[in-house]
Structures are given as structure tokens and as C-alpha cells.
Amino acid sequence: MTTNDTRRKVFRKAQDIMDYYEMSRPAFEHYVKLGMPVRIINGAYHGHSDNIDEWFRKMTAYSMKELQEETNEKGK
């Protein structure tokens, strides 16, 4: 992971992302399946903290109940 005062956090390994967000491997894999903004480059996960933070903000902006109600409304 590359960090300093002028650069944002760039992750170059899955473990860096898991350590930074304090998540387990199963949680990381689950979030990747849900669409966490990471890419596999040369066999390693890469991501940027700004993108992942924004994704988490969007993912947690609504409660599950609100999401279910919205989904039900769209299905009518």
C-alpha cells in the first residue's frame, strides 16, 4: 500500500485492502462479488481507498428494508 501526505491510498494486494478495512478474507470475497471497485492486475487485487470508501458509502446509504421496498416497487 502506498501512502503519504500528498497521495491517496493505492492498494496492490488483497491483504492490504483487508488490513485497511479490517475485514476477513470471506468478507472481502463477498464484497468483491457485490461489486467492490477493485481490479485484478497480474493476479493481484488493486484498488483505491477513495473508490472503495465511496462504494461503501453508497452501499450503506439505505437500510435493507428501504432497499427491499424500492425493489418491490420497481417490480410492480
PDB file of N, CA and C in Angstrom:
ATOM      1  N   MET A   1       0.847  -1.168   0.000  1.00  0.00           N
ATOM      2  CA  MET A   1       0.000   0.000   0.000  1.00  0.00           C
ATOM      3  C   MET A   1       0.890   1.227   0.000  1.00  0.00           C
ATOM      4  N   THR A   2       0.586   2.198  -0.843  1.00  0.00           N
ATOM      5  CA  THR A   2       1.370   3.414  -0.925  1.00  0.00           C
ATOM      6  C   THR A   2       0.597   4.549  -0.281  1.00  0.00           C
ATOM      7  N   THR A   3       1.189   5.195   0.719  1.00  0.00           N
ATOM      8  CA  THR A   3       0.540   6.339   1.355  1.00  0.00           C
ATOM      9  C   THR A   3       1.584   7.378   1.688  1.00  0.00           C
ATOM     10  N   ASN A   4       1.193   8.614   1.642  1.00  0.00           N
ATOM     11  CA  ASN A   4       1.950   9.721   2.214  1.00  0.00           C
ATOM     12  C   ASN A   4       1.012  10.908   2.304  1.00  0.00           C
ATOM     13  N   ASP A   5       1.497  12.065   2.690  1.00  0.00           N
ATOM     14  CA  ASP A   5       0.617  13.202   2.908  1.00  0.00           C
ATOM     15  C   ASP A   5      -0.041  13.716   1.641  1.00  0.00           C
ATOM     16  N   THR A   6       0.559  13.519   0.484  1.00  0.00           N
ATOM     17  CA  THR A   6       0.021  14.086  -0.742  1.00  0.00           C
ATOM     18  C   THR A   6      -0.675  13.070  -1.638  1.00  0.00           C
ATOM     19  N   ARG A   7      -0.530  11.776  -1.373  1.00  0.00           N
ATOM     20  CA  ARG A   7      -1.139  10.756  -2.220  1.00  0.00           C
ATOM     21  C   ARG A   7      -2.202   9.994  -1.463  1.00  0.00           C
ATOM     22  N   ARG A   8      -3.218   9.582  -2.164  1.00  0.00           N
ATOM     23  CA  ARG A   8      -4.267   8.750  -1.569  1.00  0.00           C
ATOM     24  C   ARG A   8      -3.746   7.322  -1.453  1.00  0.00           C
ATOM     25  N   LYS A   9      -4.537   6.490  -0.823  1.00  0.00           N
ATOM     26  CA  LYS A   9      -4.122   5.110  -0.600  1.00  0.00           C
ATOM     27  C   LYS A   9      -4.405   4.254  -1.831  1.00  0.00           C
ATOM     28  N   VAL A  10      -3.353   3.701  -2.381  1.00  0.00           N
ATOM     29  CA  VAL A  10      -3.454   2.784  -3.514  1.00  0.00           C
ATOM     30  C   VAL A  10      -3.083   1.407  -2.991  1.00  0.00           C
ATOM     31  N   PHE A  11      -3.979   0.458  -3.193  1.00  0.00           N
ATOM     32  CA  PHE A  11      -3.745  -0.906  -2.727  1.00  0.00           C
ATOM     33  C   PHE A  11      -3.273  -1.757  -3.892  1.00  0.00           C
ATOM     34  N   ARG A  12      -2.327  -2.633  -3.617  1.00  0.00           N
ATOM     35  CA  ARG A  12      -1.803  -3.511  -4.662  1.00  0.00           C
ATOM     36  C   ARG A  12      -1.910  -4.985  -4.303  1.00  0.00           C
ATOM     37  N   LYS A  13      -2.537  -5.255  -3.160  1.00  0.00           N
ATOM     38  CA  LYS A  13      -2.739  -6.648  -2.738  1.00  0.00           C
ATOM     39  C   LYS A  13      -4.062  -6.728  -1.979  1.00  0.00           C
ATOM     40  N   ALA A  14      -4.727  -7.875  -2.080  1.00  0.00           N
ATOM     41  CA  ALA A  14      -5.958  -8.081  -1.332  1.00  0.00           C
ATOM     42  C   ALA A  14      -5.715  -7.905   0.158  1.00  0.00           C
ATOM     43  N   GLN A  15      -4.585  -8.391   0.647  1.00  0.00           N
ATOM     44  CA  GLN A  15      -4.302  -8.297   2.078  1.00  0.00           C
ATOM     45  C   GLN A  15      -4.226  -6.848   2.541  1.00  0.00           C
ATOM     46  N   ASP A  16      -3.697  -5.955   1.700  1.00  0.00           N
ATOM     47  CA  ASP A  16      -3.657  -4.532   2.053  1.00  0.00           C
ATOM     48  C   ASP A  16      -5.072  -3.979   2.244  1.00  0.00           C
ATOM     49  N   ILE A  17      -5.974  -4.357   1.350  1.00  0.00           N
ATOM     50  CA  ILE A  17      -7.364  -3.902   1.445  1.00  0.00           C
ATOM     51  C   ILE A  17      -8.014  -4.479   2.696  1.00  0.00           C
ATOM     52  N   MET A  18      -7.811  -5.772   2.932  1.00  0.00           N
ATOM     53  CA  MET A  18      -8.406  -6.419   4.109  1.00  0.00           C
ATOM     54  C   MET A  18      -7.873  -5.805   5.390  1.00  0.00           C
ATOM     55  N   ASP A  19      -6.584  -5.509   5.438  1.00  0.00           N
ATOM     56  CA  ASP A  19      -5.999  -4.899   6.637  1.00  0.00           C
ATOM     57  C   ASP A  19      -6.545  -3.491   6.860  1.00  0.00           C
ATOM     58  N   TYR A  20      -6.604  -2.701   5.812  1.00  0.00           N
ATOM     59  CA  TYR A  20      -7.038  -1.312   5.916  1.00  0.00           C
ATOM     60  C   TYR A  20      -8.485  -1.217   6.392  1.00  0.00           C
ATOM     61  N   TYR A  21      -9.342  -2.098   5.859  1.00  0.00           N
ATOM     62  CA  TYR A  21     -10.764  -2.076   6.216  1.00  0.00           C
ATOM     63  C   TYR A  21     -11.115  -3.071   7.332  1.00  0.00           C
ATOM     64  N   GLU A  22     -10.106  -3.709   7.882  1.00  0.00           N
ATOM     65  CA  GLU A  22     -10.275  -4.651   8.993  1.00  0.00           C
ATOM     66  C   GLU A  22     -11.354  -5.688   8.680  1.00  0.00           C
ATOM     67  N   MET A  23     -11.165  -6.390   7.561  1.00  0.00           N
ATOM     68  CA  MET A  23     -12.131  -7.414   7.157  1.00  0.00           C
ATOM     69  C   MET A  23     -11.430  -8.749   6.925  1.00  0.00           C
ATOM     70  N   SER A  24     -12.199  -9.788   7.055  1.00  0.00           N
ATOM     71  CA  SER A  24     -11.689 -11.141   6.830  1.00  0.00           C
ATOM     72  C   SER A  24     -11.665 -11.449   5.338  1.00  0.00           C
ATOM     73  N   ARG A  25     -10.998 -12.517   4.972  1.00  0.00           N
ATOM     74  CA  ARG A  25     -10.967 -12.956   3.575  1.00  0.00           C
ATOM     75  C   ARG A  25     -12.382 -13.264   3.071  1.00  0.00           C
ATOM     76  N   PRO A  26     -13.210 -14.011   3.842  1.00  0.00           N
ATOM     77  CA  PRO A  26     -14.575 -14.256   3.351  1.00  0.00           C
ATOM     78  C   PRO A  26     -15.371 -12.963   3.141  1.00  0.00           C
ATOM     79  N   ALA A  27     -15.209 -11.988   4.030  1.00  0.00           N
ATOM     80  CA  ALA A  27     -15.909 -10.709   3.863  1.00  0.00           C
ATOM     81  C   ALA A  27     -15.402 -10.000   2.612  1.00  0.00           C
ATOM     82  N   PHE A  28     -14.096  -9.976   2.407  1.00  0.00           N
ATOM     83  CA  PHE A  28     -13.514  -9.350   1.217  1.00  0.00           C
ATOM     84  C   PHE A  28     -14.087  -9.984  -0.047  1.00  0.00           C
ATOM     85  N   GLU A  29     -14.088 -11.307  -0.105  1.00  0.00           N
ATOM     86  CA  GLU A  29     -14.599 -12.002  -1.287  1.00  0.00           C
ATOM     87  C   GLU A  29     -16.080 -11.712  -1.509  1.00  0.00           C
ATOM     88  N   HIS A  30     -16.837 -11.597  -0.421  1.00  0.00           N
ATOM     89  CA  HIS A  30     -18.260 -11.268  -0.523  1.00  0.00           C
ATOM     90  C   HIS A  30     -18.442  -9.864  -1.108  1.00  0.00           C
ATOM     91  N   TYR A  31     -17.675  -8.907  -0.603  1.00  0.00           N
ATOM     92  CA  TYR A  31     -17.774  -7.541  -1.117  1.00  0.00           C
ATOM     93  C   TYR A  31     -17.352  -7.448  -2.575  1.00  0.00           C
ATOM     94  N   VAL A  32     -16.347  -8.204  -2.964  1.00  0.00           N
ATOM     95  CA  VAL A  32     -15.935  -8.225  -4.374  1.00  0.00           C
ATOM     96  C   VAL A  32     -17.100  -8.719  -5.235  1.00  0.00           C
ATOM     97  N   LYS A  33     -17.784  -9.765  -4.786  1.00  0.00           N
ATOM     98  CA  LYS A  33     -18.936 -10.287  -5.530  1.00  0.00           C
ATOM     99  C   LYS A  33     -20.072  -9.273  -5.597  1.00  0.00           C
ATOM    100  N   LEU A  34     -20.192  -8.431  -4.560  1.00  0.00           N
ATOM    101  CA  LEU A  34     -21.225  -7.397  -4.554  1.00  0.00           C
ATOM    102  C   LEU A  34     -20.858  -6.196  -5.420  1.00  0.00           C
ATOM    103  N   GLY A  35     -19.594  -6.147  -5.875  1.00  0.00           N
ATOM    104  CA  GLY A  35     -19.191  -5.082  -6.778  1.00  0.00           C
ATOM    105  C   GLY A  35     -18.192  -4.094  -6.220  1.00  0.00           C
ATOM    106  N   MET A  36     -17.508  -4.446  -5.139  1.00  0.00           N
ATOM    107  CA  MET A  36     -16.489  -3.544  -4.614  1.00  0.00           C
ATOM    108  C   MET A  36     -15.522  -3.176  -5.738  1.00  0.00           C
ATOM    109  N   PRO A  37     -15.199  -1.891  -5.896  1.00  0.00           N
ATOM    110  CA  PRO A  37     -14.393  -1.452  -7.037  1.00  0.00           C
ATOM    111  C   PRO A  37     -12.903  -1.796  -6.901  1.00  0.00           C
ATOM    112  N   VAL A  38     -12.590  -3.017  -7.261  1.00  0.00           N
ATOM    113  CA  VAL A  38     -11.204  -3.485  -7.304  1.00  0.00           C
ATOM    114  C   VAL A  38     -10.988  -4.176  -8.643  1.00  0.00           C
ATOM    115  N   ARG A  39      -9.749  -4.296  -9.037  1.00  0.00           N
ATOM    116  CA  ARG A  39      -9.390  -4.977 -10.277  1.00  0.00           C
ATOM    117  C   ARG A  39      -8.286  -5.970 -10.000  1.00  0.00           C
ATOM    118  N   ILE A  40      -8.283  -7.049 -10.763  1.00  0.00           N
ATOM    119  CA  ILE A  40      -7.182  -7.998 -10.677  1.00  0.00           C
ATOM    120  C   ILE A  40      -6.215  -7.656 -11.810  1.00  0.00           C
ATOM    121  N   ILE A  41      -5.009  -7.298 -11.437  1.00  0.00           N
ATOM    122  CA  ILE A  41      -3.968  -6.947 -12.405  1.00  0.00           C
ATOM    123  C   ILE A  41      -2.763  -7.830 -12.109  1.00  0.00           C
ATOM    124  N   ASN A  42      -2.369  -8.598 -13.102  1.00  0.00           N
ATOM    125  CA  ASN A  42      -1.250  -9.537 -12.928  1.00  0.00           C
ATOM    126  C   ASN A  42      -1.457 -10.438 -11.723  1.00  0.00           C
ATOM    127  N   GLY A  43      -2.683 -10.865 -11.525  1.00  0.00           N
ATOM    128  CA  GLY A  43      -3.000 -11.821 -10.455  1.00  0.00           C
ATOM    129  C   GLY A  43      -3.159 -11.223  -9.073  1.00  0.00           C
ATOM    130  N   ALA A  44      -3.088  -9.892  -8.947  1.00  0.00           N
ATOM    131  CA  ALA A  44      -3.210  -9.259  -7.627  1.00  0.00           C
ATOM    132  C   ALA A  44      -4.345  -8.236  -7.654  1.00  0.00           C
ATOM    133  N   TYR A  45      -5.057  -8.145  -6.540  1.00  0.00           N
ATOM    134  CA  TYR A  45      -6.131  -7.166  -6.424  1.00  0.00           C
ATOM    135  C   TYR A  45      -5.545  -5.768  -6.261  1.00  0.00           C
ATOM    136  N   HIS A  46      -6.112  -4.824  -7.007  1.00  0.00           N
ATOM    137  CA  HIS A  46      -5.716  -3.427  -6.917  1.00  0.00           C
ATOM    138  C   HIS A  46      -6.974  -2.601  -6.657  1.00  0.00           C
ATOM    139  N   GLY A  47      -6.825  -1.572  -5.881  1.00  0.00           N
ATOM    140  CA  GLY A  47      -7.946  -0.683  -5.615  1.00  0.00           C
ATOM    141  C   GLY A  47      -7.441   0.631  -5.052  1.00  0.00           C
ATOM    142  N   HIS A  48      -8.344   1.552  -4.913  1.00  0.00           N
ATOM    143  CA  HIS A  48      -8.014   2.873  -4.386  1.00  0.00           C
ATOM    144  C   HIS A  48      -8.987   3.179  -3.254  1.00  0.00           C
ATOM    145  N   SER A  49      -8.461   3.689  -2.147  1.00  0.00           N
ATOM    146  CA  SER A  49      -9.289   3.919  -0.968  1.00  0.00           C
ATOM    147  C   SER A  49     -10.449   4.871  -1.255  1.00  0.00           C
ATOM    148  N   ASP A  50     -10.257   5.888  -2.078  1.00  0.00           N
ATOM    149  CA  ASP A  50     -11.356   6.812  -2.381  1.00  0.00           C
ATOM    150  C   ASP A  50     -12.512   6.078  -3.048  1.00  0.00           C
ATOM    151  N   ASN A  51     -12.203   5.213  -4.000  1.00  0.00           N
ATOM    152  CA  ASN A  51     -13.252   4.472  -4.709  1.00  0.00           C
ATOM    153  C   ASN A  51     -13.960   3.492  -3.786  1.00  0.00           C
ATOM    154  N   ILE A  52     -13.197   2.790  -2.984  1.00  0.00           N
ATOM    155  CA  ILE A  52     -13.791   1.807  -2.071  1.00  0.00           C
ATOM    156  C   ILE A  52     -14.614   2.509  -1.004  1.00  0.00           C
ATOM    157  N   ASP A  53     -14.107   3.628  -0.461  1.00  0.00           N
ATOM    158  CA  ASP A  53     -14.871   4.397   0.524  1.00  0.00           C
ATOM    159  C   ASP A  53     -16.203   4.861  -0.058  1.00  0.00           C
ATOM    160  N   GLU A  54     -16.168   5.381  -1.270  1.00  0.00           N
ATOM    161  CA  GLU A  54     -17.400   5.850  -1.921  1.00  0.00           C
ATOM    162  C   GLU A  54     -18.365   4.695  -2.134  1.00  0.00           C
ATOM    163  N   TRP A  55     -17.847   3.540  -2.537  1.00  0.00           N
ATOM    164  CA  TRP A  55     -18.693   2.363  -2.732  1.00  0.00           C
ATOM    165  C   TRP A  55     -19.364   1.964  -1.421  1.00  0.00           C
ATOM    166  N   PHE A  56     -18.598   1.938  -0.325  1.00  0.00           N
ATOM    167  CA  PHE A  56     -19.184   1.617   0.976  1.00  0.00           C
ATOM    168  C   PHE A  56     -20.233   2.652   1.371  1.00  0.00           C
ATOM    169  N   ARG A  57     -19.974   3.936   1.108  1.00  0.00           N
ATOM    170  CA  ARG A  57     -20.967   4.972   1.431  1.00  0.00           C
ATOM    171  C   ARG A  57     -22.269   4.706   0.688  1.00  0.00           C
ATOM    172  N   LYS A  58     -22.175   4.398  -0.596  1.00  0.00           N
ATOM    173  CA  LYS A  58     -23.376   4.126  -1.389  1.00  0.00           C
ATOM    174  C   LYS A  58     -24.075   2.851  -0.929  1.00  0.00           C
ATOM    175  N   MET A  59     -23.287   1.832  -0.624  1.00  0.00           N
ATOM    176  CA  MET A  59     -23.864   0.548  -0.214  1.00  0.00           C
ATOM    177  C   MET A  59     -24.590   0.645   1.127  1.00  0.00           C
ATOM    178  N   THR A  60     -24.164   1.558   1.968  1.00  0.00           N
ATOM    179  CA  THR A  60     -24.766   1.656   3.300  1.00  0.00           C
ATOM    180  C   THR A  60     -25.662   2.879   3.447  1.00  0.00           C
ATOM    181  N   ALA A  61     -25.975   3.537   2.340  1.00  0.00           N
ATOM    182  CA  ALA A  61     -26.805   4.740   2.392  1.00  0.00           C
ATOM    183  C   ALA A  61     -28.264   4.420   2.726  1.00  0.00           C
ATOM    184  N   TYR A  62     -28.696   3.209   2.466  1.00  0.00           N
ATOM    185  CA  TYR A  62     -30.066   2.794   2.711  1.00  0.00           C
ATOM    186  C   TYR A  62     -30.079   1.574   3.604  1.00  0.00           C
ATOM    187  N   SER A  63     -31.140   1.452   4.378  1.00  0.00           N
ATOM    188  CA  SER A  63     -31.300   0.237   5.172  1.00  0.00           C
ATOM    189  C   SER A  63     -31.773  -0.887   4.262  1.00  0.00           C
ATOM    190  N   MET A  64     -31.631  -2.105   4.704  1.00  0.00           N
ATOM    191  CA  MET A  64     -32.096  -3.251   3.907  1.00  0.00           C
ATOM    192  C   MET A  64     -33.600  -3.152   3.666  1.00  0.00           C
ATOM    193  N   LYS A  65     -34.345  -2.672   4.643  1.00  0.00           N
ATOM    194  CA  LYS A  65     -35.797  -2.534   4.493  1.00  0.00           C
ATOM    195  C   LYS A  65     -36.118  -1.560   3.361  1.00  0.00           C
ATOM    196  N   GLU A  66     -35.401  -0.425   3.311  1.00  0.00           N
ATOM    197  CA  GLU A  66     -35.636   0.550   2.250  1.00  0.00           C
ATOM    198  C   GLU A  66     -35.294  -0.032   0.887  1.00  0.00           C
ATOM    199  N   LEU A  67     -34.211  -0.784   0.813  1.00  0.00           N
ATOM    200  CA  LEU A  67     -33.831  -1.407  -0.458  1.00  0.00           C
ATOM    201  C   LEU A  67     -34.860  -2.431  -0.906  1.00  0.00           C
ATOM    202  N   GLN A  68     -35.378  -3.221   0.026  1.00  0.00           N
ATOM    203  CA  GLN A  68     -36.390  -4.218  -0.316  1.00  0.00           C
ATOM    204  C   GLN A  68     -37.662  -3.546  -0.795  1.00  0.00           C
ATOM    205  N   GLU A  69     -38.071  -2.457  -0.125  1.00  0.00           N
ATOM    206  CA  GLU A  69     -39.270  -1.729  -0.531  1.00  0.00           C
ATOM    207  C   GLU A  69     -39.088  -1.131  -1.921  1.00  0.00           C
ATOM    208  N   GLU A  70     -37.911  -0.569  -2.191  1.00  0.00           N
ATOM    209  CA  GLU A  70     -37.640   0.003  -3.502  1.00  0.00           C
ATOM    210  C   GLU A  70     -37.684  -1.079  -4.576  1.00  0.00           C
ATOM    211  N   THR A  71     -37.090  -2.214  -4.292  1.00  0.00           N
ATOM    212  CA  THR A  71     -37.091  -3.331  -5.238  1.00  0.00           C
ATOM    213  C   THR A  71     -38.510  -3.809  -5.501  1.00  0.00           C
ATOM    214  N   ASN A  72     -39.310  -3.906  -4.464  1.00  0.00           N
ATOM    215  CA  ASN A  72     -40.702  -4.335  -4.622  1.00  0.00           C
ATOM    216  C   ASN A  72     -41.492  -3.336  -5.464  1.00  0.00           C
ATOM    217  N   GLU A  73     -41.250  -2.041  -5.269  1.00  0.00           N
ATOM    218  CA  GLU A  73     -41.942  -1.016  -6.047  1.00  0.00           C
ATOM    219  C   GLU A  73     -41.575  -1.108  -7.526  1.00  0.00           C
ATOM    220  N   LYS A  74     -40.320  -1.372  -7.818  1.00  0.00           N
ATOM    221  CA  LYS A  74     -39.881  -1.468  -9.219  1.00  0.00           C
ATOM    222  C   LYS A  74     -40.481  -2.689  -9.893  1.00  0.00           C
ATOM    223  N   GLY A  75     -40.770  -3.735  -9.116  1.00  0.00           N
ATOM    224  CA  GLY A  75     -41.306  -4.963  -9.673  1.00  0.00           C
ATOM    225  C   GLY A  75     -42.790  -4.905  -9.986  1.00  0.00           C
ATOM    226  N   LYS A  76     -43.457  -3.855  -9.536  1.00  0.00           N
ATOM    227  CA  LYS A  76     -44.918  -3.742  -9.764  1.00  0.00           C
ATOM    228  C   LYS A  76     -45.224  -3.255 -11.156  1.00  0.00           C
TER     229      LYS A  76
END
